[in-house]
Amino acid sequence: MEPQKLLKPSWFPGNGESYAILLAILDKQKRAPEIDLSEFPSEAQRQEICEVLTDELLTSGFEDEWKINHRGDLIEGLIDIFNPYV
């Protein structure tokens, strides 16, 4: 990942840990190059980001019996940031 992508943009309301998780998830899904986070994403991009985040939440955001874990809390916060329907 390029070093400049690691810098949290000024529009991003979350903390550095949330931004790092976002970049890791997008990179894992191979969508990072398609989404430019230097500016606030378009509605279509936000919808795509939410879809990726929701998939990740279901695979790594819960412990046994659907108890949310720390990563899941961070991902839920990211979904709140990018949800185009809020």
N, C-alpha and C. Protein backbone atom coordinates (compact mmCIF):
# COMPACT_ATOMS: atom_id res chain seq x y z
N MET A 1 0.84 -1.17 0.00
CA MET A 1 0.00 0.00 0.00
C MET A 1 0.89 1.24 0.00
N GLU A 2 0.48 2.22 -0.76
CA GLU A 2 1.27 3.45 -0.88
C GLU A 2 1.25 4.23 0.43
N PRO A 3 2.39 4.82 0.83
CA PRO A 3 2.45 5.55 2.10
C PRO A 3 1.44 6.69 2.21
N GLN A 4 1.16 7.41 1.10
CA GLN A 4 0.23 8.53 1.20
C GLN A 4 -1.20 8.07 1.49
N LYS A 5 -1.53 6.82 1.12
CA LYS A 5 -2.86 6.30 1.41
C LYS A 5 -3.04 6.05 2.90
N LEU A 6 -1.95 5.87 3.62
CA LEU A 6 -2.04 5.60 5.04
C LEU A 6 -2.39 6.84 5.86
N LEU A 7 -2.22 8.03 5.27
CA LEU A 7 -2.57 9.27 5.97
C LEU A 7 -4.07 9.45 5.96
N LYS A 8 -4.65 9.61 7.13
CA LYS A 8 -6.08 9.78 7.26
C LYS A 8 -6.49 11.12 6.65
N PRO A 9 -7.43 11.11 5.68
CA PRO A 9 -7.85 12.37 5.07
C PRO A 9 -8.64 13.23 6.06
N SER A 10 -8.65 14.52 5.83
CA SER A 10 -9.30 15.45 6.77
C SER A 10 -10.82 15.23 6.86
N TRP A 11 -11.45 14.73 5.82
CA TRP A 11 -12.90 14.53 5.85
C TRP A 11 -13.32 13.32 6.70
N PHE A 12 -12.36 12.40 6.96
CA PHE A 12 -12.69 11.15 7.65
C PHE A 12 -12.89 11.41 9.13
N PRO A 13 -14.11 11.15 9.67
CA PRO A 13 -14.38 11.47 11.07
C PRO A 13 -13.88 10.44 12.07
N GLY A 14 -13.51 9.25 11.62
CA GLY A 14 -13.06 8.20 12.52
C GLY A 14 -11.62 8.41 12.96
N ASN A 15 -11.16 7.52 13.83
CA ASN A 15 -9.78 7.63 14.31
C ASN A 15 -8.83 6.88 13.39
N GLY A 16 -7.55 6.94 13.70
CA GLY A 16 -6.53 6.30 12.88
C GLY A 16 -6.69 4.80 12.79
N GLU A 17 -7.11 4.17 13.90
CA GLU A 17 -7.31 2.72 13.89
C GLU A 17 -8.44 2.34 12.93
N SER A 18 -9.53 3.10 12.94
CA SER A 18 -10.64 2.83 12.02
C SER A 18 -10.21 2.99 10.57
N TYR A 19 -9.43 4.03 10.30
CA TYR A 19 -8.99 4.27 8.93
C TYR A 19 -8.05 3.15 8.46
N ALA A 20 -7.17 2.70 9.34
CA ALA A 20 -6.26 1.61 9.00
C ALA A 20 -7.03 0.33 8.70
N ILE A 21 -8.07 0.05 9.48
CA ILE A 21 -8.90 -1.14 9.23
C ILE A 21 -9.62 -1.01 7.90
N LEU A 22 -10.14 0.19 7.62
CA LEU A 22 -10.82 0.42 6.35
C LEU A 22 -9.88 0.12 5.18
N LEU A 23 -8.67 0.66 5.23
CA LEU A 23 -7.72 0.44 4.14
C LEU A 23 -7.37 -1.04 4.01
N ALA A 24 -7.20 -1.73 5.13
CA ALA A 24 -6.86 -3.15 5.08
C ALA A 24 -8.00 -3.96 4.47
N ILE A 25 -9.23 -3.64 4.82
CA ILE A 25 -10.38 -4.36 4.28
C ILE A 25 -10.51 -4.10 2.78
N LEU A 26 -10.40 -2.84 2.37
CA LEU A 26 -10.51 -2.53 0.95
C LEU A 26 -9.37 -3.18 0.16
N ASP A 27 -8.18 -3.19 0.74
CA ASP A 27 -7.04 -3.80 0.06
C ASP A 27 -7.24 -5.31 -0.06
N LYS A 28 -7.76 -5.91 1.00
CA LYS A 28 -8.02 -7.36 1.00
C LYS A 28 -9.03 -7.72 -0.09
N GLN A 29 -9.98 -6.84 -0.32
CA GLN A 29 -11.01 -7.07 -1.34
C GLN A 29 -10.57 -6.60 -2.72
N LYS A 30 -9.35 -6.08 -2.82
CA LYS A 30 -8.79 -5.59 -4.08
C LYS A 30 -9.59 -4.44 -4.68
N ARG A 31 -10.21 -3.65 -3.81
CA ARG A 31 -11.00 -2.51 -4.28
C ARG A 31 -10.34 -1.18 -3.97
N ALA A 32 -9.26 -1.22 -3.22
CA ALA A 32 -8.61 0.03 -2.83
C ALA A 32 -8.19 0.89 -4.02
N PRO A 33 -7.63 0.32 -5.09
CA PRO A 33 -7.23 1.18 -6.20
C PRO A 33 -8.41 1.85 -6.90
N GLU A 34 -9.60 1.23 -6.82
CA GLU A 34 -10.76 1.78 -7.49
C GLU A 34 -11.42 2.91 -6.71
N ILE A 35 -11.17 2.99 -5.42
CA ILE A 35 -11.83 3.99 -4.58
C ILE A 35 -10.79 4.97 -4.07
N ASP A 36 -10.92 6.21 -4.49
CA ASP A 36 -9.99 7.26 -4.08
C ASP A 36 -10.54 7.89 -2.80
N LEU A 37 -9.86 7.67 -1.69
CA LEU A 37 -10.32 8.20 -0.42
C LEU A 37 -9.73 9.56 -0.08
N SER A 38 -9.02 10.17 -1.02
CA SER A 38 -8.49 11.51 -0.74
C SER A 38 -9.63 12.53 -0.67
N GLU A 39 -10.76 12.21 -1.29
CA GLU A 39 -11.96 13.04 -1.21
C GLU A 39 -13.11 12.17 -0.73
N PHE A 40 -14.13 12.80 -0.19
CA PHE A 40 -15.28 12.04 0.29
C PHE A 40 -15.89 11.27 -0.87
N PRO A 41 -16.09 9.96 -0.72
CA PRO A 41 -16.57 9.13 -1.82
C PRO A 41 -17.98 9.49 -2.28
N SER A 42 -18.25 9.20 -3.54
CA SER A 42 -19.58 9.42 -4.11
C SER A 42 -20.58 8.46 -3.46
N GLU A 43 -21.85 8.67 -3.73
CA GLU A 43 -22.88 7.80 -3.16
C GLU A 43 -22.68 6.35 -3.61
N ALA A 44 -22.37 6.15 -4.89
CA ALA A 44 -22.15 4.80 -5.41
C ALA A 44 -20.94 4.16 -4.74
N GLN A 45 -19.87 4.92 -4.55
CA GLN A 45 -18.68 4.39 -3.88
C GLN A 45 -18.97 4.06 -2.42
N ARG A 46 -19.75 4.92 -1.76
CA ARG A 46 -20.10 4.66 -0.36
C ARG A 46 -20.93 3.39 -0.24
N GLN A 47 -21.82 3.18 -1.19
CA GLN A 47 -22.63 1.97 -1.18
C GLN A 47 -21.74 0.73 -1.35
N GLU A 48 -20.78 0.82 -2.27
CA GLU A 48 -19.85 -0.29 -2.49
C GLU A 48 -19.01 -0.55 -1.24
N ILE A 49 -18.53 0.52 -0.61
CA ILE A 49 -17.75 0.38 0.62
C ILE A 49 -18.58 -0.29 1.70
N CYS A 50 -19.85 0.11 1.84
CA CYS A 50 -20.71 -0.50 2.84
C CYS A 50 -20.93 -1.98 2.58
N GLU A 51 -21.05 -2.37 1.33
CA GLU A 51 -21.21 -3.78 0.99
C GLU A 51 -19.98 -4.58 1.41
N VAL A 52 -18.80 -4.03 1.11
CA VAL A 52 -17.55 -4.70 1.49
C VAL A 52 -17.45 -4.79 3.02
N LEU A 53 -17.77 -3.70 3.70
CA LEU A 53 -17.68 -3.68 5.16
C LEU A 53 -18.67 -4.65 5.79
N THR A 54 -19.87 -4.74 5.24
CA THR A 54 -20.87 -5.67 5.76
C THR A 54 -20.40 -7.11 5.62
N ASP A 55 -19.82 -7.44 4.47
CA ASP A 55 -19.27 -8.79 4.27
C ASP A 55 -18.19 -9.08 5.31
N GLU A 56 -17.31 -8.10 5.52
CA GLU A 56 -16.22 -8.29 6.48
C GLU A 56 -16.76 -8.40 7.91
N LEU A 57 -17.77 -7.61 8.22
CA LEU A 57 -18.38 -7.68 9.56
C LEU A 57 -18.90 -9.09 9.83
N LEU A 58 -19.55 -9.68 8.84
CA LEU A 58 -20.10 -11.02 9.02
C LEU A 58 -19.02 -12.09 9.16
N THR A 59 -17.86 -11.88 8.52
CA THR A 59 -16.81 -12.89 8.58
C THR A 59 -15.84 -12.72 9.74
N SER A 60 -15.64 -11.48 10.22
CA SER A 60 -14.63 -11.30 11.27
C SER A 60 -15.06 -10.41 12.42
N GLY A 61 -16.30 -9.96 12.43
CA GLY A 61 -16.72 -8.99 13.43
C GLY A 61 -17.44 -9.56 14.63
N PHE A 62 -17.59 -10.89 14.66
CA PHE A 62 -18.35 -11.50 15.75
C PHE A 62 -17.60 -12.68 16.35
N GLU A 63 -17.88 -12.91 17.63
CA GLU A 63 -17.37 -14.08 18.32
C GLU A 63 -18.51 -15.10 18.38
N ASP A 64 -18.39 -16.05 19.27
CA ASP A 64 -19.45 -17.05 19.44
C ASP A 64 -20.77 -16.39 19.79
N GLU A 65 -21.84 -17.02 19.34
CA GLU A 65 -23.19 -16.56 19.65
C GLU A 65 -23.45 -15.13 19.19
N TRP A 66 -22.77 -14.70 18.15
CA TRP A 66 -22.96 -13.39 17.51
C TRP A 66 -22.64 -12.22 18.44
N LYS A 67 -21.76 -12.44 19.40
CA LYS A 67 -21.31 -11.34 20.25
C LYS A 67 -20.28 -10.54 19.45
N ILE A 68 -20.51 -9.25 19.31
CA ILE A 68 -19.62 -8.41 18.49
C ILE A 68 -18.27 -8.25 19.19
N ASN A 69 -17.20 -8.29 18.41
CA ASN A 69 -15.86 -8.10 18.97
C ASN A 69 -15.36 -6.68 18.64
N HIS A 70 -14.15 -6.38 19.07
CA HIS A 70 -13.60 -5.02 18.86
C HIS A 70 -13.56 -4.67 17.37
N ARG A 71 -13.10 -5.59 16.56
CA ARG A 71 -13.05 -5.34 15.10
C ARG A 71 -14.46 -5.06 14.57
N GLY A 72 -15.42 -5.82 15.06
CA GLY A 72 -16.80 -5.61 14.63
C GLY A 72 -17.32 -4.22 15.01
N ASP A 73 -16.96 -3.76 16.21
CA ASP A 73 -17.34 -2.40 16.63
C ASP A 73 -16.77 -1.36 15.67
N LEU A 74 -15.50 -1.54 15.31
CA LEU A 74 -14.86 -0.59 14.39
C LEU A 74 -15.53 -0.63 13.01
N ILE A 75 -15.84 -1.84 12.55
CA ILE A 75 -16.47 -1.97 11.23
C ILE A 75 -17.87 -1.35 11.25
N GLU A 76 -18.63 -1.56 12.32
CA GLU A 76 -19.95 -0.93 12.43
C GLU A 76 -19.84 0.59 12.37
N GLY A 77 -18.82 1.13 13.03
CA GLY A 77 -18.60 2.58 12.97
C GLY A 77 -18.29 3.04 11.55
N LEU A 78 -17.52 2.24 10.83
CA LEU A 78 -17.21 2.58 9.43
C LEU A 78 -18.47 2.52 8.57
N ILE A 79 -19.31 1.53 8.81
CA ILE A 79 -20.56 1.45 8.06
C ILE A 79 -21.40 2.70 8.31
N ASP A 80 -21.44 3.16 9.55
CA ASP A 80 -22.18 4.38 9.87
C ASP A 80 -21.62 5.59 9.12
N ILE A 81 -20.32 5.65 8.96
CA ILE A 81 -19.69 6.77 8.24
C ILE A 81 -20.07 6.76 6.76
N PHE A 82 -20.05 5.59 6.16
CA PHE A 82 -20.21 5.50 4.71
C PHE A 82 -21.63 5.19 4.23
N ASN A 83 -22.54 4.87 5.13
CA ASN A 83 -23.89 4.52 4.71
C ASN A 83 -24.51 5.68 3.92
N PRO A 84 -24.79 5.46 2.61
CA PRO A 84 -25.33 6.56 1.79
C PRO A 84 -26.79 6.86 2.08
N TYR A 85 -27.43 6.05 2.90
CA TYR A 85 -28.86 6.24 3.15
C TYR A 85 -29.16 6.86 4.50
N VAL A 86 -28.12 7.35 5.17
CA VAL A 86 -28.32 7.98 6.48
C VAL A 86 -28.48 9.47 6.28
